[in-house]
C-alpha atoms as a PDB file:
ATOM      1  CA  MET A   1       3.527  -2.304  25.661  1.00  0.00           C
ATOM      2  CA  PHE A   2       6.692  -3.266  23.691  1.00  0.00           C
ATOM      3  CA  SER A   3       9.523  -4.856  25.149  1.00  0.00           C
ATOM      4  CA  ARG A   4      12.852  -3.091  24.848  1.00  0.00           C
ATOM      5  CA  ASP A   5      13.562  -6.152  22.366  1.00  0.00           C
ATOM      6  CA  GLU A   6      10.895  -4.750  20.412  1.00  0.00           C
ATOM      7  CA  LEU A   7      11.113  -1.085  20.526  1.00  0.00           C
ATOM      8  CA  GLU A   8      15.048  -1.995  19.372  1.00  0.00           C
ATOM      9  CA  ARG A   9      13.024  -4.067  16.530  1.00  0.00           C
ATOM     10  CA  TYR A  10      10.255  -2.222  15.015  1.00  0.00           C
ATOM     11  CA  SER A  11      12.621   1.507  15.327  1.00  0.00           C
ATOM     12  CA  ARG A  12      12.433   1.991  11.494  1.00  0.00           C
ATOM     13  CA  HIS A  13       8.971   1.451  11.699  1.00  0.00           C
ATOM     14  CA  VAL A  14       8.490   3.999  14.484  1.00  0.00           C
ATOM     15  CA  ILE A  15      10.356   6.565  13.675  1.00  0.00           C
ATOM     16  CA  LEU A  16       8.067   6.997  10.181  1.00  0.00           C
ATOM     17  CA  PRO A  17       5.561   9.249  11.065  1.00  0.00           C
ATOM     18  CA  GLU A  18       3.094   7.266   9.336  1.00  0.00           C
ATOM     19  CA  ILE A  19       3.210   4.357  11.334  1.00  0.00           C
ATOM     20  CA  GLY A  20       4.914   5.656  14.688  1.00  0.00           C
ATOM     21  CA  GLY A  21       3.886   3.351  17.825  1.00  0.00           C
ATOM     22  CA  ALA A  22       0.217   3.439  17.496  1.00  0.00           C
ATOM     23  CA  GLY A  23       0.463   2.460  14.309  1.00  0.00           C
ATOM     24  CA  GLN A  24       3.396  -0.870  15.362  1.00  0.00           C
ATOM     25  CA  GLN A  25       0.945  -1.529  17.907  1.00  0.00           C
ATOM     26  CA  LYS A  26      -1.905  -1.974  15.473  1.00  0.00           C
ATOM     27  CA  LEU A  27       0.065  -4.418  13.437  1.00  0.00           C
ATOM     28  CA  LYS A  28       1.136  -6.301  16.546  1.00  0.00           C
ATOM     29  CA  GLN A  29      -2.721  -6.609  17.397  1.00  0.00           C
ATOM     30  CA  ALA A  30      -3.433  -8.000  13.678  1.00  0.00           C
ATOM     31  CA  ARG A  31      -4.344 -10.965  12.618  1.00  0.00           C
ATOM     32  CA  VAL A  32      -3.595 -12.058   9.366  1.00  0.00           C
ATOM     33  CA  LEU A  33      -4.068 -15.492   7.615  1.00  0.00           C
ATOM     34  CA  VAL A  34      -2.080 -16.314   4.682  1.00  0.00           C
ATOM     35  CA  ILE A  35      -3.266 -19.133   2.484  1.00  0.00           C
ATOM     36  CA  GLY A  36      -0.205 -21.496   0.970  1.00  0.00           C
ATOM     37  CA  ALA A  37       3.464 -21.580   2.646  1.00  0.00           C
ATOM     38  CA  GLY A  38       4.689 -21.876  -1.179  1.00  0.00           C
ATOM     39  CA  GLY A  39       6.175 -19.401  -3.336  1.00  0.00           C
ATOM     40  CA  LEU A  40       3.995 -16.496  -2.538  1.00  0.00           C
ATOM     41  CA  GLY A  41       3.774 -16.799   1.100  1.00  0.00           C
ATOM     42  CA  SER A  42       7.539 -17.683   2.043  1.00  0.00           C
ATOM     43  CA  PRO A  43       8.453 -14.063   1.447  1.00  0.00           C
ATOM     44  CA  LEU A  44       4.952 -12.670   2.370  1.00  0.00           C
ATOM     45  CA  LEU A  45       5.202 -14.994   5.367  1.00  0.00           C
ATOM     46  CA  LEU A  46       8.746 -13.520   6.331  1.00  0.00           C
ATOM     47  CA  TYR A  47       7.812  -9.889   5.968  1.00  0.00           C
ATOM     48  CA  LEU A  48       4.788  -9.971   8.269  1.00  0.00           C
ATOM     49  CA  ALA A  49       6.477 -11.710  10.756  1.00  0.00           C
ATOM     50  CA  ALA A  50       9.864  -9.102  10.726  1.00  0.00           C
ATOM     51  CA  ALA A  51       7.209  -6.417  10.139  1.00  0.00           C
ATOM     52  CA  GLY A  52       5.659  -7.754  13.697  1.00  0.00           C
ATOM     53  CA  ILE A  53       2.155  -9.108  13.236  1.00  0.00           C
ATOM     54  CA  GLY A  54       0.886 -10.226  16.551  1.00  0.00           C
ATOM     55  CA  THR A  55      -0.291 -13.275  14.967  1.00  0.00           C
ATOM     56  CA  LEU A  56       0.295 -15.421  11.427  1.00  0.00           C
ATOM     57  CA  GLY A  57      -2.060 -17.757  10.287  1.00  0.00           C
ATOM     58  CA  ILE A  58      -0.664 -20.351   7.883  1.00  0.00           C
ATOM     59  CA  VAL A  59      -3.004 -22.751   6.039  1.00  0.00           C
ATOM     60  CA  ASP A  60      -0.858 -25.559   3.705  1.00  0.00           C
ATOM     61  CA  ASP A  61      -1.685 -28.945   3.691  1.00  0.00           C
ATOM     62  CA  ASP A  62       1.764 -29.625   1.631  1.00  0.00           C
ATOM     63  CA  THR A  63       4.971 -31.140   2.746  1.00  0.00           C
ATOM     64  CA  VAL A  64       8.492 -29.350   1.199  1.00  0.00           C
ATOM     65  CA  SER A  65       9.956 -31.059  -1.693  1.00  0.00           C
ATOM     66  CA  LEU A  66      13.271 -30.801  -3.024  1.00  0.00           C
ATOM     67  CA  SER A  67      11.657 -28.943  -6.086  1.00  0.00           C
ATOM     68  CA  ASN A  68      10.172 -26.207  -3.997  1.00  0.00           C
ATOM     69  CA  LEU A  69      13.296 -25.200  -2.549  1.00  0.00           C
ATOM     70  CA  GLN A  70      13.651 -23.186  -6.147  1.00  0.00           C
ATOM     71  CA  ARG A  71      11.474 -20.327  -5.022  1.00  0.00           C
ATOM     72  CA  GLN A  72      10.062 -20.913  -1.855  1.00  0.00           C
ATOM     73  CA  VAL A  73      13.280 -19.710   0.434  1.00  0.00           C
ATOM     74  CA  LEU A  74      11.386 -20.035   3.693  1.00  0.00           C
ATOM     75  CA  HIS A  75      12.229 -23.998   3.953  1.00  0.00           C
ATOM     76  CA  GLY A  76      15.723 -25.081   4.180  1.00  0.00           C
ATOM     77  CA  THR A  77      17.216 -28.658   2.416  1.00  0.00           C
ATOM     78  CA  GLU A  78      16.805 -29.684   6.071  1.00  0.00           C
ATOM     79  CA  ALA A  79      12.961 -29.323   5.884  1.00  0.00           C
ATOM     80  CA  ILE A  80      12.563 -31.786   3.004  1.00  0.00           C
ATOM     81  CA  GLY A  81       9.605 -33.833   3.772  1.00  0.00           C
ATOM     82  CA  ARG A  82       8.604 -31.939   6.905  1.00  0.00           C
ATOM     83  CA  ARG A  83       4.914 -29.991   6.389  1.00  0.00           C
ATOM     84  CA  LYS A  84       4.938 -26.610   5.260  1.00  0.00           C
ATOM     85  CA  THR A  85       3.467 -25.047   8.133  1.00  0.00           C
ATOM     86  CA  GLU A  86       5.914 -26.805  10.739  1.00  0.00           C
ATOM     87  CA  SER A  87       8.874 -25.551   8.716  1.00  0.00           C
ATOM     88  CA  ALA A  88       7.338 -22.079   7.894  1.00  0.00           C
ATOM     89  CA  ALA A  89       6.748 -21.875  12.597  1.00  0.00           C
ATOM     90  CA  VAL A  90      10.342 -22.833  12.999  1.00  0.00           C
ATOM     91  CA  ALA A  91      11.440 -20.275  10.397  1.00  0.00           C
ATOM     92  CA  ILE A  92       9.000 -17.105  11.760  1.00  0.00           C
ATOM     93  CA  ALA A  93      10.348 -18.359  15.416  1.00  0.00           C
ATOM     94  CA  GLY A  94      13.853 -17.531  14.181  1.00  0.00           C
ATOM     95  CA  LEU A  95      13.308 -14.882  12.795  1.00  0.00           C
ATOM     96  CA  ASN A  96      11.017 -12.571  15.206  1.00  0.00           C
ATOM     97  CA  PRO A  97       9.970 -14.692  17.947  1.00  0.00           C
ATOM     98  CA  HIS A  98       7.350 -12.417  19.351  1.00  0.00           C
ATOM     99  CA  VAL A  99       5.021 -13.557  16.586  1.00  0.00           C
ATOM    100  CA  ARG A 100       2.486 -16.155  17.356  1.00  0.00           C
ATOM    101  CA  VAL A 101       2.061 -18.716  14.658  1.00  0.00           C
ATOM    102  CA  VAL A 102      -1.313 -20.739  14.128  1.00  0.00           C
ATOM    103  CA  GLU A 103      -0.561 -23.544  12.260  1.00  0.00           C
ATOM    104  CA  HIS A 104      -3.795 -25.523  10.320  1.00  0.00           C
ATOM    105  CA  THR A 105      -2.239 -28.314   8.367  1.00  0.00           C
ATOM    106  CA  GLU A 106      -4.941 -28.871   6.064  1.00  0.00           C
ATOM    107  CA  ARG A 107      -6.496 -27.741   2.524  1.00  0.00           C
ATOM    108  CA  LEU A 108      -9.338 -24.605   2.865  1.00  0.00           C
ATOM    109  CA  THR A 109     -12.474 -26.457   1.883  1.00  0.00           C
ATOM    110  CA  PRO A 110     -15.911 -25.245   2.020  1.00  0.00           C
ATOM    111  CA  GLN A 111     -16.685 -26.901   5.465  1.00  0.00           C
ATOM    112  CA  ASN A 112     -14.017 -25.095   7.276  1.00  0.00           C
ATOM    113  CA  ALA A 113     -13.793 -22.344   5.089  1.00  0.00           C
ATOM    114  CA  ASP A 114     -15.910 -20.179   7.634  1.00  0.00           C
ATOM    115  CA  SER A 115     -14.172 -20.927  10.904  1.00  0.00           C
ATOM    116  CA  LEU A 116     -10.853 -20.638   9.438  1.00  0.00           C
ATOM    117  CA  ILE A 117     -11.151 -17.266   7.862  1.00  0.00           C
ATOM    118  CA  GLY A 118     -13.457 -15.770  10.215  1.00  0.00           C
ATOM    119  CA  ALA A 119     -10.633 -15.769  12.834  1.00  0.00           C
ATOM    120  CA  TYR A 120      -8.590 -13.443  11.527  1.00  0.00           C
ATOM    121  CA  ASP A 121      -8.747  -9.845  10.289  1.00  0.00           C
ATOM    122  CA  ILE A 122      -7.634 -10.083   6.968  1.00  0.00           C
ATOM    123  CA  VAL A 123      -6.914 -12.813   4.601  1.00  0.00           C
ATOM    124  CA  ALA A 124      -3.346 -12.806   1.887  1.00  0.00           C
ATOM    125  CA  ASP A 125      -3.901 -15.683  -0.327  1.00  0.00           C
ATOM    126  CA  GLY A 126      -1.053 -16.995  -2.532  1.00  0.00           C
ATOM    127  CA  SER A 127      -2.727 -20.750  -2.994  1.00  0.00           C
ATOM    128  CA  ASP A 128      -1.809 -21.928  -6.077  1.00  0.00           C
ATOM    129  CA  ASN A 129      -5.242 -23.187  -7.253  1.00  0.00           C
ATOM    130  CA  PHE A 130      -8.427 -21.959  -8.983  1.00  0.00           C
ATOM    131  CA  ASP A 131     -10.874 -23.458  -6.569  1.00  0.00           C
ATOM    132  CA  THR A 132      -9.463 -22.450  -3.703  1.00  0.00           C
ATOM    133  CA  ARG A 133      -8.664 -18.500  -4.764  1.00  0.00           C
ATOM    134  CA  PHE A 134     -13.058 -18.434  -5.607  1.00  0.00           C
ATOM    135  CA  LEU A 135     -13.616 -19.854  -2.645  1.00  0.00           C
ATOM    136  CA  VAL A 136     -11.139 -17.544  -0.273  1.00  0.00           C
ATOM    137  CA  ASN A 137     -13.349 -14.746  -2.243  1.00  0.00           C
ATOM    138  CA  ASP A 138     -16.609 -15.548  -1.870  1.00  0.00           C
ATOM    139  CA  THR A 139     -15.797 -16.592   2.167  1.00  0.00           C
ATOM    140  CA  CYS A 140     -14.408 -13.362   2.489  1.00  0.00           C
ATOM    141  CA  TYR A 141     -17.141 -11.487   0.946  1.00  0.00           C
ATOM    142  CA  SER A 142     -19.771 -13.567   2.963  1.00  0.00           C
ATOM    143  CA  LEU A 143     -17.446 -12.118   6.461  1.00  0.00           C
ATOM    144  CA  GLY A 144     -16.625  -8.958   5.902  1.00  0.00           C
ATOM    145  CA  LYS A 145     -12.471 -10.011   5.551  1.00  0.00           C
ATOM    146  CA  THR A 146     -10.716  -7.669   2.770  1.00  0.00           C
ATOM    147  CA  LEU A 147      -8.278  -9.981   0.657  1.00  0.00           C
ATOM    148  CA  VAL A 148      -4.669  -9.471  -0.775  1.00  0.00           C
ATOM    149  CA  THR A 149      -4.223 -11.883  -3.545  1.00  0.00           C
ATOM    150  CA  ALA A 150      -1.198 -12.302  -5.335  1.00  0.00           C
ATOM    151  CA  ALA A 151      -0.363 -14.802  -8.326  1.00  0.00           C
ATOM    152  CA  MET A 152       2.398 -15.706 -10.740  1.00  0.00           C
ATOM    153  CA  LEU A 153       3.222 -17.646 -14.004  1.00  0.00           C
ATOM    154  CA  ARG A 154       6.238 -18.395 -15.567  1.00  0.00           C
ATOM    155  CA  PHE A 155       8.292 -14.714 -15.947  1.00  0.00           C
ATOM    156  CA  ASP A 156       4.314 -12.494 -15.035  1.00  0.00           C
ATOM    157  CA  GLY A 157       2.401 -12.057 -11.955  1.00  0.00           C
ATOM    158  CA  GLN A 158      -0.396 -10.075 -10.523  1.00  0.00           C
ATOM    159  CA  LEU A 159      -1.485  -8.295  -7.665  1.00  0.00           C
ATOM    160  CA  SER A 160      -5.376  -6.846  -6.026  1.00  0.00           C
ATOM    161  CA  THR A 161      -6.746  -6.209  -3.182  1.00  0.00           C
ATOM    162  CA  PHE A 162     -10.447  -7.151  -2.976  1.00  0.00           C
ATOM    163  CA  LYS A 163     -12.976  -5.404  -0.200  1.00  0.00           C
ATOM    164  CA  PRO A 164     -16.272  -5.779  -2.066  1.00  0.00           C
ATOM    165  CA  TRP A 165     -17.822  -5.918   1.742  1.00  0.00           C
ATOM    166  CA  LYS A 166     -17.667  -1.887   1.541  1.00  0.00           C
ATOM    167  CA  GLY A 167     -19.964  -1.809  -1.546  1.00  0.00           C
ATOM    168  CA  ALA A 168     -19.540   0.012  -4.684  1.00  0.00           C
ATOM    169  CA  PRO A 169     -17.229   0.714  -6.430  1.00  0.00           C
ATOM    170  CA  HIS A 170     -14.853  -1.795  -5.099  1.00  0.00           C
ATOM    171  CA  PRO A 171     -14.896  -5.095  -6.981  1.00  0.00           C
ATOM    172  CA  CYS A 172     -14.533  -8.944  -5.874  1.00  0.00           C
ATOM    173  CA  TYR A 173     -12.209 -11.258  -7.419  1.00  0.00           C
ATOM    174  CA  ARG A 174     -15.586 -12.960  -9.581  1.00  0.00           C
ATOM    175  CA  CYS A 175     -16.483  -9.553 -10.790  1.00  0.00           C
ATOM    176  CA  VAL A 176     -12.471  -9.947 -12.533  1.00  0.00           C
ATOM    177  CA  PHE A 177     -12.416 -13.339 -13.270  1.00  0.00           C
ATOM    178  CA  PRO A 178     -16.388 -14.625 -12.797  1.00  0.00           C
ATOM    179  CA  GLU A 179     -16.191 -18.568 -12.906  1.00  0.00           C
ATOM    180  CA  PRO A 180     -12.991 -20.981 -13.088  1.00  0.00           C
ATOM    181  CA  PRO A 181     -10.948 -21.335 -16.595  1.00  0.00           C
ATOM    182  CA  PRO A 182     -11.968 -25.012 -17.980  1.00  0.00           C
ATOM    183  CA  PRO A 183      -9.379 -27.471 -16.600  1.00  0.00           C
ATOM    184  CA  GLY A 184      -6.193 -27.810 -18.476  1.00  0.00           C
ATOM    185  CA  SER A 185      -6.469 -24.161 -20.485  1.00  0.00           C
ATOM    186  CA  VAL A 186      -4.159 -22.807 -17.948  1.00  0.00           C
ATOM    187  CA  PRO A 187      -0.681 -24.934 -17.107  1.00  0.00           C
ATOM    188  CA  ALA A 188       0.205 -25.329 -13.035  1.00  0.00           C
ATOM    189  CA  CYS A 189       4.055 -23.758 -12.676  1.00  0.00           C
ATOM    190  CA  SER A 190       5.030 -27.418 -12.374  1.00  0.00           C
ATOM    191  CA  GLU A 191       3.824 -27.371 -16.290  1.00  0.00           C
ATOM    192  CA  ALA A 192       4.870 -24.120 -17.504  1.00  0.00           C
ATOM    193  CA  GLY A 193       7.235 -23.126 -14.976  1.00  0.00           C
ATOM    194  CA  VAL A 194       8.221 -20.076 -12.921  1.00  0.00           C
ATOM    195  CA  LEU A 195      11.115 -17.550 -12.408  1.00  0.00           C
ATOM    196  CA  GLY A 196      12.320 -18.406  -8.798  1.00  0.00           C
ATOM    197  CA  ALA A 197      12.659 -14.819  -7.860  1.00  0.00           C
ATOM    198  CA  LEU A 198       9.411 -13.639  -9.140  1.00  0.00           C
ATOM    199  CA  GLY A 199       7.699 -15.010  -5.962  1.00  0.00           C
ATOM    200  CA  GLY A 200       9.653 -12.898  -3.870  1.00  0.00           C
ATOM    201  CA  VAL A 201       8.751  -9.642  -5.919  1.00  0.00           C
ATOM    202  CA  MET A 202       5.117 -10.357  -5.633  1.00  0.00           C
ATOM    203  CA  GLY A 203       5.388 -12.178  -2.328  1.00  0.00           C
ATOM    204  CA  SER A 204       7.163  -8.396  -0.710  1.00  0.00           C
ATOM    205  CA  LEU A 205       4.142  -6.385  -2.816  1.00  0.00           C
ATOM    206  CA  GLN A 206       0.936  -8.696  -0.764  1.00  0.00           C
ATOM    207  CA  ALA A 207       3.128  -8.074   1.872  1.00  0.00           C
ATOM    208  CA  LEU A 208       3.235  -4.294   1.841  1.00  0.00           C
ATOM    209  CA  GLU A 209      -0.293  -4.384   0.890  1.00  0.00           C
ATOM    210  CA  VAL A 210      -1.522  -6.252   3.704  1.00  0.00           C
ATOM    211  CA  VAL A 211       0.225  -3.824   6.008  1.00  0.00           C
ATOM    212  CA  LYS A 212      -0.807  -0.872   4.131  1.00  0.00           C
ATOM    213  CA  GLU A 213      -4.817  -2.171   4.678  1.00  0.00           C
ATOM    214  CA  LEU A 214      -4.041  -2.826   8.255  1.00  0.00           C
ATOM    215  CA  LEU A 215      -2.321   0.953   8.970  1.00  0.00           C
ATOM    216  CA  ASP A 216      -4.705   2.572   6.442  1.00  0.00           C
ATOM    217  CA  LEU A 217      -1.863   3.524   4.786  1.00  0.00           C
ATOM    218  CA  GLY A 218      -1.381   5.165   0.961  1.00  0.00           C
ATOM    219  CA  ASP A 219      -3.860   3.754  -1.830  1.00  0.00           C
ATOM    220  CA  SER A 220      -5.398   1.138  -1.637  1.00  0.00           C
ATOM    221  CA  LEU A 221      -4.954  -1.656  -4.589  1.00  0.00           C
ATOM    222  CA  SER A 222      -9.121  -2.083  -4.525  1.00  0.00           C
ATOM    223  CA  GLY A 223     -10.344  -1.689  -7.852  1.00  0.00           C
ATOM    224  CA  ARG A 224      -6.896  -1.716  -9.475  1.00  0.00           C
ATOM    225  CA  LEU A 225      -4.890  -4.745 -10.652  1.00  0.00           C
ATOM    226  CA  LEU A 226      -1.057  -4.661 -10.736  1.00  0.00           C
ATOM    227  CA  LEU A 227       0.396  -6.644 -12.894  1.00  0.00           C
ATOM    228  CA  TYR A 228       4.598  -7.380 -13.304  1.00  0.00           C
ATOM    229  CA  ASP A 229       6.290  -8.493 -16.464  1.00  0.00           C
ATOM    230  CA  ALA A 230       9.427  -9.612 -15.229  1.00  0.00           C
ATOM    231  CA  LEU A 231      11.077 -10.125 -18.621  1.00  0.00           C
ATOM    232  CA  ARG A 232      10.503  -6.163 -19.791  1.00  0.00           C
ATOM    233  CA  GLY A 233      11.232  -5.048 -16.025  1.00  0.00           C
ATOM    234  CA  ASP A 234       7.634  -3.449 -16.247  1.00  0.00           C
ATOM    235  CA  PHE A 235       4.633  -2.713 -13.757  1.00  0.00           C
ATOM    236  CA  ARG A 236       1.313  -1.913 -15.040  1.00  0.00           C
ATOM    237  CA  THR A 237      -1.896  -1.108 -13.355  1.00  0.00           C
ATOM    238  CA  VAL A 238      -5.228  -2.176 -15.095  1.00  0.00           C
ATOM    239  CA  LYS A 239      -8.625  -0.297 -13.365  1.00  0.00           C
ATOM    240  CA  LEU A 240     -11.177  -3.109 -12.014  1.00  0.00           C
ATOM    241  CA  ARG A 241     -14.977  -2.406 -11.690  1.00  0.00           C
ATOM    242  CA  ARG A 242     -17.651  -4.184  -9.597  1.00  0.00           C
ATOM    243  CA  ASP A 243     -19.971  -6.079 -11.927  1.00  0.00           C
ATOM    244  CA  PRO A 244     -23.776  -5.777 -10.904  1.00  0.00           C
ATOM    245  CA  GLN A 245     -24.049  -9.241 -12.185  1.00  0.00           C
ATOM    246  CA  CYS A 246     -21.616 -10.605  -9.729  1.00  0.00           C
ATOM    247  CA  ARG A 247     -22.785 -14.001  -8.478  1.00  0.00           C
ATOM    248  CA  THR A 248     -20.557 -13.281  -5.538  1.00  0.00           C
ATOM    249  CA  CYS A 249     -20.891  -9.460  -4.661  1.00  0.00           C
ATOM    250  CA  GLY A 250     -24.013  -8.574  -7.796  1.00  0.00           C
ATOM    251  CA  ASP A 251     -26.732  -6.211  -6.641  1.00  0.00           C
ATOM    252  CA  ARG A 252     -28.634  -9.919  -7.120  1.00  0.00           C
ATOM    253  CA  SER A 253     -26.145 -11.726  -4.948  1.00  0.00           C
END
């Protein structure tokens, strides 16, 4: 059931025939885990909260720093030094008090990945390191959870959805990127830089794909990689194929 406030708040969703009251109720009942409350996680969390996702889990062990604010719009200057999970919870409560926020102020590790990811319906990964990305992928596959993942660097972004637990032809992240690149071969944002507004583009698209997956709307990005070149203002998609030899979801896994 929705309160009067909720009915007005979500009215633009409810009047969409593809969503309606039933779809909005699904969003209210949904549990979404967001990995990272940074450049991607900021717009992602804000739009998921605004959409009425019932429970948002946030995994992040970092604190807000001044250099974050150029792109991490979830946090304000007054939040510098505060835990990102705490700052995010405050911002989300101000935007939509109907959303329950669960703060996981810790790093995702092989020891806690199953328990954290297993408690949610779908995972949105906005982490900034390859170890976490591969761990999230492998855990989502083993637990049968859909993963929506995005990444960005300098002026380029990428986005895809992975649900290999549904079987062929759905690939997993390792089908596309079998192993992490050698240390030092791919610079971090702190070394190469990143356009702040790029996080808004990719994080918003990521939120959109999460909602689509929860409501089974439109065409899934599973099996496709969306690439965005901000300097060219150009989107393109690349077809992805399942790797039968993949160590995670392959025929021998």
